[in-house]
């Protein structure tokens, strides 16, 4: 824990030095996009990650899940001076669990709209943002116990997600994306900007 606190303190000191920030105008960080994003740009992200489904490969009750897969797009459309982007997403999760004569398989997808608020930091090609996703989740599970099976759509309903993320662009159109949040804990992939 002490190492983590020390690393965090060092990062804060690095970000606050004039060597790191140069002539950066901190008063404008809240009203500008980072990573070279401009008004009207379309951003497409394709990523895989870990979500709230579990993974237990060993033991009496085992479970596995393919990595959560998601495709999302945004269009940079500010409101007043605030650098928002608006778009949609589609996510997919496939998994299985079993133990003591039963087997449960899951197919789950979610889709809907998203909004992100971007912040400009003094790192070239870096875009940092926070956002929410609202939509629907369709989840179909099938439970088999010995010779009996039934479908269970009980996981379907409203979908809500919050996240913090960053794009890092290697050139004008191609880069990487990483996000942390809930229910998708960690997600990483590629980002295209048009």
N, C-alpha and C. Protein backbone atom coordinates (compact mmCIF):
# COMPACT_ATOMS: atom_id res chain seq x y z
N UNK A 1 0.82 -1.19 0.00
CA UNK A 1 0.00 0.00 0.00
C UNK A 1 0.87 1.26 0.00
N UNK A 2 2.00 1.19 0.73
CA UNK A 2 2.90 2.34 0.77
C UNK A 2 3.48 2.63 -0.60
N UNK A 3 3.79 1.56 -1.37
CA UNK A 3 4.33 1.75 -2.71
C UNK A 3 3.31 2.42 -3.62
N UNK A 4 2.04 2.03 -3.48
CA UNK A 4 0.99 2.62 -4.29
C UNK A 4 0.81 4.10 -3.95
N UNK A 5 0.85 4.44 -2.66
CA UNK A 5 0.74 5.84 -2.25
C UNK A 5 1.93 6.64 -2.77
N UNK A 6 3.12 6.05 -2.71
CA UNK A 6 4.32 6.73 -3.21
C UNK A 6 4.26 6.95 -4.71
N UNK A 7 3.78 5.96 -5.45
CA UNK A 7 3.63 6.09 -6.89
C UNK A 7 2.61 7.18 -7.22
N UNK A 8 1.50 7.22 -6.50
CA UNK A 8 0.48 8.24 -6.71
C UNK A 8 1.03 9.64 -6.41
N UNK A 9 1.78 9.78 -5.32
CA UNK A 9 2.38 11.09 -4.97
C UNK A 9 3.38 11.52 -6.03
N UNK A 10 4.19 10.59 -6.55
CA UNK A 10 5.15 10.92 -7.59
C UNK A 10 4.45 11.36 -8.87
N UNK A 11 3.35 10.71 -9.20
CA UNK A 11 2.59 11.08 -10.38
C UNK A 11 2.00 12.48 -10.23
N UNK A 12 1.49 12.81 -9.06
CA UNK A 12 0.94 14.14 -8.80
C UNK A 12 2.04 15.19 -8.94
N UNK A 13 3.21 14.92 -8.36
CA UNK A 13 4.31 15.89 -8.46
C UNK A 13 4.76 16.06 -9.91
N UNK A 14 4.82 14.96 -10.66
CA UNK A 14 5.22 15.04 -12.06
C UNK A 14 4.25 15.88 -12.85
N UNK A 15 2.96 15.67 -12.63
CA UNK A 15 1.94 16.42 -13.36
C UNK A 15 1.90 17.89 -12.97
N UNK A 16 2.37 18.21 -11.78
CA UNK A 16 2.29 19.61 -11.34
C UNK A 16 3.54 20.41 -11.67
N UNK A 17 4.58 19.80 -12.18
CA UNK A 17 5.80 20.54 -12.49
C UNK A 17 5.68 21.25 -13.82
N UNK A 18 6.37 22.35 -13.95
CA UNK A 18 6.34 23.11 -15.20
C UNK A 18 7.06 22.37 -16.31
N UNK A 19 8.00 21.45 -15.96
CA UNK A 19 8.69 20.67 -16.99
C UNK A 19 7.68 19.79 -17.72
N UNK A 20 6.77 19.17 -16.97
CA UNK A 20 5.77 18.30 -17.56
C UNK A 20 4.70 19.10 -18.30
N UNK A 21 4.23 20.17 -17.71
CA UNK A 21 3.12 20.93 -18.27
C UNK A 21 3.57 21.97 -19.29
N UNK A 22 4.81 22.37 -19.28
CA UNK A 22 5.28 23.39 -20.21
C UNK A 22 4.46 24.66 -20.07
N UNK A 23 3.99 25.15 -21.18
CA UNK A 23 3.17 26.36 -21.18
C UNK A 23 1.68 26.03 -21.20
N UNK A 24 1.32 24.91 -20.64
CA UNK A 24 -0.07 24.44 -20.68
C UNK A 24 -0.97 25.37 -19.88
N UNK A 25 -2.10 25.74 -20.48
CA UNK A 25 -3.07 26.61 -19.83
C UNK A 25 -4.12 25.74 -19.13
N UNK A 26 -3.93 25.51 -17.83
CA UNK A 26 -4.82 24.63 -17.07
C UNK A 26 -6.25 25.16 -17.01
N UNK A 27 -6.43 26.46 -17.18
CA UNK A 27 -7.79 27.00 -17.12
C UNK A 27 -8.64 26.57 -18.32
N UNK A 28 -8.01 26.02 -19.35
CA UNK A 28 -8.74 25.60 -20.55
C UNK A 28 -8.90 24.08 -20.65
N UNK A 29 -8.40 23.32 -19.67
CA UNK A 29 -8.45 21.86 -19.79
C UNK A 29 -9.88 21.32 -19.78
N UNK A 30 -10.80 22.00 -19.14
CA UNK A 30 -12.16 21.51 -19.02
C UNK A 30 -13.02 21.81 -20.25
N UNK A 31 -12.53 22.64 -21.17
CA UNK A 31 -13.36 23.02 -22.32
C UNK A 31 -12.72 22.67 -23.66
N UNK A 32 -11.79 21.72 -23.68
CA UNK A 32 -11.14 21.29 -24.92
C UNK A 32 -11.01 19.78 -24.96
N UNK A 33 -11.15 19.21 -26.15
CA UNK A 33 -10.91 17.79 -26.35
C UNK A 33 -9.41 17.53 -26.34
N UNK A 34 -9.01 16.34 -25.91
CA UNK A 34 -7.61 15.93 -25.98
C UNK A 34 -7.39 15.01 -27.18
N UNK A 35 -6.17 14.60 -27.39
CA UNK A 35 -5.83 13.63 -28.42
C UNK A 35 -6.04 14.11 -29.84
N UNK A 36 -6.11 15.41 -30.05
CA UNK A 36 -6.32 15.93 -31.40
C UNK A 36 -7.76 15.82 -31.88
N UNK A 37 -8.69 15.48 -31.00
CA UNK A 37 -10.10 15.39 -31.37
C UNK A 37 -10.65 16.79 -31.58
N UNK A 38 -11.41 16.95 -32.65
CA UNK A 38 -12.02 18.23 -32.96
C UNK A 38 -13.53 18.06 -33.12
N UNK A 39 -14.25 19.16 -33.04
CA UNK A 39 -15.70 19.14 -33.20
C UNK A 39 -16.06 18.44 -34.51
N UNK A 40 -16.99 17.48 -34.45
CA UNK A 40 -17.43 16.76 -35.63
C UNK A 40 -16.70 15.46 -35.90
N UNK A 41 -15.60 15.20 -35.21
CA UNK A 41 -14.87 13.95 -35.41
C UNK A 41 -15.69 12.75 -34.95
N UNK A 42 -15.59 11.64 -35.68
CA UNK A 42 -16.22 10.39 -35.26
C UNK A 42 -15.14 9.48 -34.70
N UNK A 43 -15.42 8.87 -33.55
CA UNK A 43 -14.49 7.98 -32.87
C UNK A 43 -15.14 6.60 -32.79
N UNK A 44 -14.43 5.57 -33.27
CA UNK A 44 -14.93 4.20 -33.22
C UNK A 44 -13.96 3.38 -32.37
N UNK A 45 -14.47 2.74 -31.33
CA UNK A 45 -13.66 1.91 -30.43
C UNK A 45 -14.13 0.46 -30.53
N UNK A 46 -13.17 -0.47 -30.61
CA UNK A 46 -13.45 -1.90 -30.55
C UNK A 46 -12.55 -2.46 -29.46
N UNK A 47 -13.16 -3.08 -28.43
CA UNK A 47 -12.38 -3.49 -27.26
C UNK A 47 -12.90 -4.80 -26.66
N UNK A 48 -12.05 -5.42 -25.87
CA UNK A 48 -12.42 -6.60 -25.08
C UNK A 48 -12.10 -6.30 -23.62
N UNK A 49 -12.79 -7.00 -22.72
CA UNK A 49 -12.54 -6.70 -21.32
C UNK A 49 -13.12 -7.72 -20.37
N UNK A 50 -13.06 -7.37 -19.09
CA UNK A 50 -13.58 -8.19 -18.00
C UNK A 50 -14.79 -7.48 -17.42
N UNK A 51 -15.90 -8.21 -17.28
CA UNK A 51 -17.09 -7.59 -16.71
C UNK A 51 -17.50 -8.30 -15.43
N UNK A 52 -18.73 -8.06 -14.99
CA UNK A 52 -19.17 -8.62 -13.71
C UNK A 52 -19.51 -10.10 -13.77
N UNK A 53 -19.35 -10.74 -14.92
CA UNK A 53 -19.46 -12.20 -14.97
C UNK A 53 -18.19 -12.78 -14.35
N UNK A 54 -18.28 -13.94 -13.75
CA UNK A 54 -17.15 -14.48 -13.01
C UNK A 54 -16.36 -15.50 -13.82
N UNK A 55 -15.19 -15.86 -13.31
CA UNK A 55 -14.31 -16.85 -13.95
C UNK A 55 -13.73 -17.74 -12.86
N UNK A 56 -14.14 -19.01 -12.83
CA UNK A 56 -13.62 -19.99 -11.88
C UNK A 56 -13.29 -21.26 -12.66
N UNK A 57 -12.07 -21.43 -13.13
CA UNK A 57 -11.77 -22.59 -13.97
C UNK A 57 -11.62 -23.91 -13.23
N UNK A 58 -11.47 -23.88 -11.92
CA UNK A 58 -11.22 -25.12 -11.18
C UNK A 58 -12.24 -25.27 -10.06
N UNK A 59 -12.32 -26.47 -9.52
CA UNK A 59 -13.18 -26.72 -8.37
C UNK A 59 -14.48 -27.40 -8.75
N UNK A 60 -15.29 -27.65 -7.75
CA UNK A 60 -16.53 -28.38 -7.92
C UNK A 60 -17.53 -27.58 -8.77
N UNK A 61 -17.62 -26.27 -8.58
CA UNK A 61 -18.49 -25.40 -9.36
C UNK A 61 -17.62 -24.50 -10.21
N UNK A 62 -17.39 -24.89 -11.46
CA UNK A 62 -16.50 -24.10 -12.31
C UNK A 62 -17.32 -23.20 -13.23
N UNK A 63 -16.69 -22.14 -13.71
CA UNK A 63 -17.35 -21.21 -14.61
C UNK A 63 -16.31 -20.56 -15.50
N UNK A 64 -16.70 -20.20 -16.68
CA UNK A 64 -15.81 -19.48 -17.58
C UNK A 64 -16.65 -18.53 -18.43
N UNK A 65 -15.99 -17.57 -19.01
CA UNK A 65 -16.65 -16.61 -19.87
C UNK A 65 -15.64 -16.13 -20.90
N UNK A 66 -16.06 -16.00 -22.14
CA UNK A 66 -15.21 -15.34 -23.12
C UNK A 66 -15.03 -13.89 -22.69
N UNK A 67 -13.96 -13.24 -23.10
CA UNK A 67 -13.83 -11.82 -22.75
C UNK A 67 -15.03 -11.03 -23.27
N UNK A 68 -15.47 -10.09 -22.48
CA UNK A 68 -16.55 -9.20 -22.90
C UNK A 68 -16.08 -8.45 -24.14
N UNK A 69 -16.91 -8.37 -25.17
CA UNK A 69 -16.56 -7.70 -26.42
C UNK A 69 -17.50 -6.52 -26.62
N UNK A 70 -16.93 -5.39 -27.06
CA UNK A 70 -17.76 -4.20 -27.24
C UNK A 70 -17.28 -3.37 -28.42
N UNK A 71 -18.22 -2.84 -29.18
CA UNK A 71 -17.95 -1.87 -30.24
C UNK A 71 -18.76 -0.62 -29.90
N UNK A 72 -18.13 0.54 -30.04
CA UNK A 72 -18.80 1.79 -29.70
C UNK A 72 -18.37 2.88 -30.68
N UNK A 73 -19.24 3.86 -30.85
CA UNK A 73 -18.90 5.01 -31.68
C UNK A 73 -19.37 6.28 -30.99
N UNK A 74 -18.71 7.38 -31.26
CA UNK A 74 -19.05 8.70 -30.73
C UNK A 74 -18.85 9.74 -31.82
N UNK A 75 -19.56 10.84 -31.68
CA UNK A 75 -19.32 12.01 -32.51
C UNK A 75 -19.06 13.16 -31.54
N UNK A 76 -17.97 13.89 -31.76
CA UNK A 76 -17.61 15.01 -30.89
C UNK A 76 -18.51 16.20 -31.19
N UNK A 77 -19.47 16.44 -30.31
CA UNK A 77 -20.41 17.55 -30.45
C UNK A 77 -20.50 18.29 -29.11
N UNK A 78 -19.78 19.39 -28.99
CA UNK A 78 -19.79 20.11 -27.70
C UNK A 78 -21.12 20.79 -27.43
N UNK A 79 -21.38 20.98 -26.15
CA UNK A 79 -22.51 21.79 -25.70
C UNK A 79 -21.90 23.04 -25.07
N UNK A 80 -22.22 24.18 -25.63
CA UNK A 80 -21.60 25.44 -25.24
C UNK A 80 -20.11 25.28 -25.42
N UNK A 81 -19.29 25.38 -24.37
CA UNK A 81 -17.85 25.15 -24.48
C UNK A 81 -17.46 23.75 -24.01
N UNK A 82 -18.40 23.00 -23.51
CA UNK A 82 -18.09 21.72 -22.88
C UNK A 82 -17.87 20.63 -23.93
N UNK A 83 -16.72 19.93 -23.88
CA UNK A 83 -16.36 18.94 -24.90
C UNK A 83 -17.01 17.56 -24.69
N UNK A 84 -18.25 17.44 -25.11
CA UNK A 84 -18.97 16.18 -25.03
C UNK A 84 -18.85 15.41 -26.34
N UNK A 85 -19.02 14.09 -26.26
CA UNK A 85 -19.22 13.27 -27.45
C UNK A 85 -20.42 12.38 -27.19
N UNK A 86 -21.17 12.09 -28.25
CA UNK A 86 -22.43 11.37 -28.16
C UNK A 86 -22.41 10.20 -29.12
N UNK A 87 -22.93 9.06 -28.72
CA UNK A 87 -22.91 7.92 -29.62
C UNK A 87 -23.67 6.73 -29.09
N UNK A 88 -23.24 5.55 -29.52
CA UNK A 88 -23.89 4.32 -29.13
C UNK A 88 -22.89 3.20 -28.92
N UNK A 89 -23.37 2.06 -28.43
CA UNK A 89 -22.50 0.92 -28.14
C UNK A 89 -23.27 -0.38 -28.32
N UNK A 90 -22.51 -1.46 -28.51
CA UNK A 90 -23.07 -2.81 -28.56
C UNK A 90 -22.06 -3.73 -27.88
N UNK A 91 -22.48 -4.46 -26.86
CA UNK A 91 -21.60 -5.37 -26.13
C UNK A 91 -22.14 -6.79 -26.14
N UNK A 92 -21.23 -7.77 -26.02
CA UNK A 92 -21.60 -9.17 -26.09
C UNK A 92 -20.80 -9.97 -25.07
N UNK A 93 -21.48 -10.88 -24.36
CA UNK A 93 -20.83 -11.75 -23.40
C UNK A 93 -21.38 -13.17 -23.53
N UNK A 94 -20.49 -14.16 -23.56
CA UNK A 94 -20.89 -15.57 -23.66
C UNK A 94 -20.15 -16.33 -22.57
N UNK A 95 -20.87 -17.15 -21.80
CA UNK A 95 -20.23 -17.88 -20.72
C UNK A 95 -20.94 -19.17 -20.37
N UNK A 96 -20.36 -19.89 -19.43
CA UNK A 96 -20.89 -21.18 -19.01
C UNK A 96 -20.46 -21.46 -17.57
N UNK A 97 -21.31 -22.13 -16.82
CA UNK A 97 -20.98 -22.56 -15.45
C UNK A 97 -21.54 -23.96 -15.25
N UNK A 98 -20.87 -24.76 -14.42
CA UNK A 98 -21.39 -26.10 -14.15
C UNK A 98 -20.91 -26.62 -12.81
N UNK A 99 -21.60 -27.66 -12.32
CA UNK A 99 -21.23 -28.30 -11.07
C UNK A 99 -22.36 -29.17 -10.55
N UNK A 100 -22.03 -30.27 -9.91
CA UNK A 100 -22.99 -31.18 -9.26
C UNK A 100 -24.16 -31.56 -10.16
N UNK A 101 -23.90 -31.91 -11.42
CA UNK A 101 -24.95 -32.38 -12.30
C UNK A 101 -25.71 -31.30 -13.05
N UNK A 102 -25.40 -30.02 -12.84
CA UNK A 102 -26.10 -28.97 -13.56
C UNK A 102 -25.11 -28.23 -14.47
N UNK A 103 -25.65 -27.59 -15.50
CA UNK A 103 -24.86 -26.82 -16.45
C UNK A 103 -25.67 -25.58 -16.83
N UNK A 104 -25.04 -24.44 -16.76
CA UNK A 104 -25.72 -23.19 -17.08
C UNK A 104 -24.94 -22.48 -18.18
N UNK A 105 -25.60 -22.13 -19.28
CA UNK A 105 -24.95 -21.38 -20.35
C UNK A 105 -25.62 -20.01 -20.46
N UNK A 106 -24.85 -19.02 -20.84
CA UNK A 106 -25.34 -17.64 -20.87
C UNK A 106 -24.94 -16.97 -22.17
N UNK A 107 -25.90 -16.31 -22.79
CA UNK A 107 -25.65 -15.43 -23.92
C UNK A 107 -26.25 -14.09 -23.55
N UNK A 108 -25.44 -13.06 -23.53
CA UNK A 108 -25.90 -11.76 -23.07
C UNK A 108 -25.40 -10.68 -24.01
N UNK A 109 -26.29 -9.74 -24.38
CA UNK A 109 -25.86 -8.59 -25.17
C UNK A 109 -26.50 -7.34 -24.60
N UNK A 110 -25.80 -6.25 -24.75
CA UNK A 110 -26.33 -4.96 -24.32
C UNK A 110 -26.06 -3.93 -25.41
N UNK A 111 -26.93 -2.95 -25.49
CA UNK A 111 -26.81 -1.93 -26.53
C UNK A 111 -27.55 -0.68 -26.06
N UNK A 112 -27.18 0.45 -26.64
CA UNK A 112 -27.83 1.69 -26.27
C UNK A 112 -26.99 2.89 -26.63
N UNK A 113 -27.21 3.98 -25.89
CA UNK A 113 -26.52 5.23 -26.15
C UNK A 113 -25.48 5.53 -25.09
N UNK A 114 -24.54 6.39 -25.44
CA UNK A 114 -23.51 6.78 -24.48
C UNK A 114 -23.18 8.25 -24.66
N UNK A 115 -22.70 8.85 -23.59
CA UNK A 115 -22.21 10.22 -23.62
C UNK A 115 -20.91 10.27 -22.83
N UNK A 116 -19.94 11.04 -23.35
CA UNK A 116 -18.64 11.18 -22.69
C UNK A 116 -18.30 12.65 -22.54
N UNK A 117 -17.67 12.99 -21.42
CA UNK A 117 -17.14 14.33 -21.19
C UNK A 117 -15.62 14.23 -21.23
N UNK A 118 -14.99 14.98 -22.12
CA UNK A 118 -13.55 14.89 -22.35
C UNK A 118 -12.80 16.00 -21.63
N UNK A 119 -11.54 15.71 -21.29
CA UNK A 119 -10.68 16.68 -20.61
C UNK A 119 -9.32 16.69 -21.31
N UNK A 120 -8.81 17.86 -21.55
CA UNK A 120 -7.51 18.02 -22.18
C UNK A 120 -6.43 18.07 -21.11
N UNK A 121 -5.42 17.21 -21.23
CA UNK A 121 -4.27 17.20 -20.32
C UNK A 121 -3.01 17.50 -21.12
N UNK A 122 -1.92 17.91 -20.45
CA UNK A 122 -0.71 18.33 -21.18
C UNK A 122 0.14 17.17 -21.69
N UNK A 123 -0.50 16.14 -22.24
CA UNK A 123 0.21 15.02 -22.85
C UNK A 123 -0.28 14.95 -24.29
N UNK A 124 0.64 15.09 -25.24
CA UNK A 124 0.25 15.04 -26.65
C UNK A 124 -0.43 13.71 -26.96
N UNK A 125 -1.45 13.76 -27.80
CA UNK A 125 -2.18 12.59 -28.30
C UNK A 125 -3.02 11.86 -27.26
N UNK A 126 -3.17 12.40 -26.05
CA UNK A 126 -3.94 11.75 -24.99
C UNK A 126 -5.29 12.44 -24.83
N UNK A 127 -6.35 11.64 -24.83
CA UNK A 127 -7.70 12.12 -24.59
C UNK A 127 -8.25 11.37 -23.38
N UNK A 128 -8.59 12.08 -22.33
CA UNK A 128 -9.12 11.48 -21.11
C UNK A 128 -10.60 11.86 -21.00
N UNK A 129 -11.43 10.89 -20.57
CA UNK A 129 -12.86 11.16 -20.51
C UNK A 129 -13.54 10.35 -19.41
N UNK A 130 -14.75 10.79 -19.07
CA UNK A 130 -15.64 10.06 -18.16
C UNK A 130 -16.99 9.98 -18.86
N UNK A 131 -17.72 8.90 -18.61
CA UNK A 131 -18.99 8.78 -19.32
C UNK A 131 -19.96 7.82 -18.69
N UNK A 132 -21.14 7.77 -19.32
CA UNK A 132 -22.18 6.83 -18.92
C UNK A 132 -22.76 6.18 -20.17
N UNK A 133 -23.26 4.97 -19.99
CA UNK A 133 -23.97 4.25 -21.04
C UNK A 133 -25.34 3.86 -20.49
N UNK A 134 -26.37 4.10 -21.28
CA UNK A 134 -27.74 3.72 -20.92
C UNK A 134 -28.32 2.91 -22.07
N UNK A 135 -29.03 1.85 -21.74
CA UNK A 135 -29.61 1.05 -22.81
C UNK A 135 -30.35 -0.15 -22.27
N UNK A 136 -30.33 -1.21 -23.05
CA UNK A 136 -31.02 -2.44 -22.70
C UNK A 136 -30.04 -3.60 -22.66
N UNK A 137 -30.35 -4.58 -21.82
CA UNK A 137 -29.57 -5.80 -21.74
C UNK A 137 -30.51 -6.97 -22.02
N UNK A 138 -30.12 -7.79 -22.97
CA UNK A 138 -30.87 -9.01 -23.27
C UNK A 138 -29.99 -10.18 -22.89
N UNK A 139 -30.44 -10.94 -21.92
CA UNK A 139 -29.65 -12.05 -21.39
C UNK A 139 -30.49 -13.31 -21.42
N UNK A 140 -30.01 -14.32 -22.10
CA UNK A 140 -30.73 -15.59 -22.18
C UNK A 140 -29.84 -16.68 -21.62
N UNK A 141 -30.27 -17.26 -20.53
CA UNK A 141 -29.53 -18.35 -19.92
C UNK A 141 -30.29 -19.65 -20.07
N UNK A 142 -29.58 -20.74 -20.15
CA UNK A 142 -30.22 -22.06 -20.21
C UNK A 142 -29.60 -22.94 -19.14
N UNK A 143 -30.44 -23.46 -18.28
CA UNK A 143 -29.97 -24.34 -17.21
C UNK A 143 -30.37 -25.77 -17.54
N UNK A 144 -29.41 -26.68 -17.44
CA UNK A 144 -29.67 -28.10 -17.67
C UNK A 144 -29.30 -28.84 -16.39
N UNK A 145 -30.21 -29.65 -15.90
CA UNK A 145 -29.96 -30.47 -14.73
C UNK A 145 -30.36 -31.89 -15.05
N UNK A 146 -29.38 -32.76 -15.17
CA UNK A 146 -29.57 -34.16 -15.56
C UNK A 146 -30.36 -34.18 -16.88
N UNK A 147 -31.65 -34.53 -16.87
CA UNK A 147 -32.44 -34.60 -18.10
C UNK A 147 -33.44 -33.45 -18.22
N UNK A 148 -33.30 -32.41 -17.42
CA UNK A 148 -34.26 -31.32 -17.40
C UNK A 148 -33.56 -30.03 -17.82
N UNK A 149 -34.19 -29.24 -18.69
CA UNK A 149 -33.59 -27.97 -19.05
C UNK A 149 -34.66 -26.90 -19.19
N UNK A 150 -34.30 -25.64 -18.92
CA UNK A 150 -35.23 -24.53 -19.10
C UNK A 150 -34.45 -23.26 -19.44
N UNK A 151 -35.10 -22.38 -20.19
CA UNK A 151 -34.52 -21.08 -20.56
C UNK A 151 -34.85 -20.07 -19.48
N UNK A 152 -33.92 -19.17 -19.21
CA UNK A 152 -34.10 -18.19 -18.15
C UNK A 152 -33.75 -16.80 -18.68
N UNK A 153 -34.74 -15.98 -19.07
CA UNK A 153 -34.45 -14.63 -19.56
C UNK A 153 -34.42 -13.59 -18.44
N UNK A 154 -34.23 -14.01 -17.19
CA UNK A 154 -34.37 -13.11 -16.05
C UNK A 154 -33.32 -12.01 -16.00
N UNK A 155 -32.19 -12.16 -16.71
CA UNK A 155 -31.17 -11.12 -16.67
C UNK A 155 -31.44 -9.97 -17.62
N UNK A 156 -32.53 -10.01 -18.39
CA UNK A 156 -32.84 -8.96 -19.35
C UNK A 156 -33.41 -7.74 -18.63
N UNK A 157 -33.23 -6.58 -19.25
CA UNK A 157 -33.78 -5.36 -18.66
C UNK A 157 -32.96 -4.14 -19.00
N UNK A 158 -32.93 -3.20 -18.08
CA UNK A 158 -32.25 -1.93 -18.24
C UNK A 158 -30.74 -2.10 -18.06
N UNK A 159 -29.94 -1.40 -18.85
CA UNK A 159 -28.48 -1.45 -18.73
C UNK A 159 -27.96 -0.07 -18.40
N UNK A 160 -27.09 0.01 -17.40
CA UNK A 160 -26.47 1.27 -16.99
C UNK A 160 -25.00 1.00 -16.70
N UNK A 161 -24.13 1.87 -17.20
CA UNK A 161 -22.69 1.71 -16.99
C UNK A 161 -22.05 3.07 -16.79
N UNK A 162 -21.08 3.13 -15.90
CA UNK A 162 -20.25 4.33 -15.72
C UNK A 162 -18.81 3.93 -15.94
N UNK A 163 -18.00 4.88 -16.41
CA UNK A 163 -16.62 4.53 -16.73
C UNK A 163 -15.73 5.77 -16.82
N UNK A 164 -14.44 5.53 -16.63
CA UNK A 164 -13.37 6.49 -16.89
C UNK A 164 -12.49 5.86 -17.95
N UNK A 165 -12.03 6.66 -18.91
CA UNK A 165 -11.24 6.07 -19.97
C UNK A 165 -10.27 7.04 -20.58
N UNK A 166 -9.48 6.51 -21.51
CA UNK A 166 -8.49 7.33 -22.21
C UNK A 166 -8.23 6.75 -23.59
N UNK A 167 -8.05 7.64 -24.54
CA UNK A 167 -7.57 7.28 -25.87
C UNK A 167 -6.14 7.79 -25.97
N UNK A 168 -5.28 7.02 -26.59
CA UNK A 168 -3.94 7.50 -26.93
C UNK A 168 -3.74 7.24 -28.41
N UNK A 169 -3.61 8.31 -29.19
CA UNK A 169 -3.51 8.20 -30.64
C UNK A 169 -2.06 8.20 -31.09
N UNK A 170 -1.71 7.19 -31.90
CA UNK A 170 -0.36 7.09 -32.44
C UNK A 170 -0.18 7.99 -33.65
N UNK A 171 -1.27 8.27 -34.36
CA UNK A 171 -1.26 9.22 -35.46
C UNK A 171 -2.63 9.88 -35.52
N UNK A 172 -2.94 10.54 -36.61
CA UNK A 172 -4.20 11.30 -36.69
C UNK A 172 -5.44 10.42 -36.58
N UNK A 173 -5.35 9.16 -37.05
CA UNK A 173 -6.54 8.32 -37.13
C UNK A 173 -6.53 7.04 -36.30
N UNK A 174 -5.40 6.59 -35.79
CA UNK A 174 -5.33 5.29 -35.13
C UNK A 174 -4.72 5.42 -33.74
N UNK A 175 -5.32 4.70 -32.78
CA UNK A 175 -4.78 4.72 -31.42
C UNK A 175 -5.34 3.56 -30.60
N UNK A 176 -5.17 3.69 -29.29
CA UNK A 176 -5.61 2.67 -28.35
C UNK A 176 -6.59 3.29 -27.37
N UNK A 177 -7.43 2.44 -26.78
CA UNK A 177 -8.40 2.87 -25.79
C UNK A 177 -8.32 1.95 -24.58
N UNK A 178 -8.51 2.51 -23.39
CA UNK A 178 -8.59 1.73 -22.14
C UNK A 178 -9.65 2.39 -21.27
N UNK A 179 -10.47 1.55 -20.62
CA UNK A 179 -11.52 2.06 -19.74
C UNK A 179 -11.59 1.24 -18.46
N UNK A 180 -11.96 1.91 -17.37
CA UNK A 180 -12.22 1.29 -16.09
C UNK A 180 -13.62 1.72 -15.66
N UNK A 181 -14.40 0.79 -15.11
CA UNK A 181 -15.74 1.19 -14.70
C UNK A 181 -16.54 0.05 -14.14
N UNK A 182 -17.87 0.21 -14.19
CA UNK A 182 -18.78 -0.81 -13.74
C UNK A 182 -19.98 -0.85 -14.68
N UNK A 183 -20.45 -2.01 -15.11
CA UNK A 183 -20.09 -3.36 -14.73
C UNK A 183 -18.89 -3.92 -15.48
N UNK A 184 -18.39 -3.21 -16.47
CA UNK A 184 -17.16 -3.66 -17.15
C UNK A 184 -15.99 -3.06 -16.38
N UNK A 185 -15.24 -3.91 -15.69
CA UNK A 185 -14.17 -3.43 -14.81
C UNK A 185 -13.01 -2.85 -15.60
N UNK A 186 -12.58 -3.57 -16.62
CA UNK A 186 -11.41 -3.17 -17.39
C UNK A 186 -11.66 -3.55 -18.84
N UNK A 187 -11.35 -2.63 -19.73
CA UNK A 187 -11.56 -2.87 -21.15
C UNK A 187 -10.44 -2.19 -21.91
N UNK A 188 -9.91 -2.84 -22.96
CA UNK A 188 -8.83 -2.27 -23.77
C UNK A 188 -9.01 -2.69 -25.21
N UNK A 189 -8.58 -1.84 -26.12
CA UNK A 189 -8.71 -2.16 -27.53
C UNK A 189 -8.14 -1.08 -28.41
N UNK A 190 -8.65 -1.01 -29.64
CA UNK A 190 -8.17 -0.03 -30.60
C UNK A 190 -9.21 1.05 -30.82
N UNK A 191 -8.74 2.21 -31.27
CA UNK A 191 -9.61 3.34 -31.53
C UNK A 191 -9.28 3.93 -32.89
N UNK A 192 -10.32 4.22 -33.67
CA UNK A 192 -10.18 4.87 -34.96
C UNK A 192 -10.88 6.21 -34.90
N UNK A 193 -10.25 7.23 -35.46
CA UNK A 193 -10.80 8.60 -35.45
C UNK A 193 -10.92 9.09 -36.88
N UNK A 194 -12.11 9.56 -37.26
CA UNK A 194 -12.35 10.04 -38.62
C UNK A 194 -12.78 11.49 -38.61
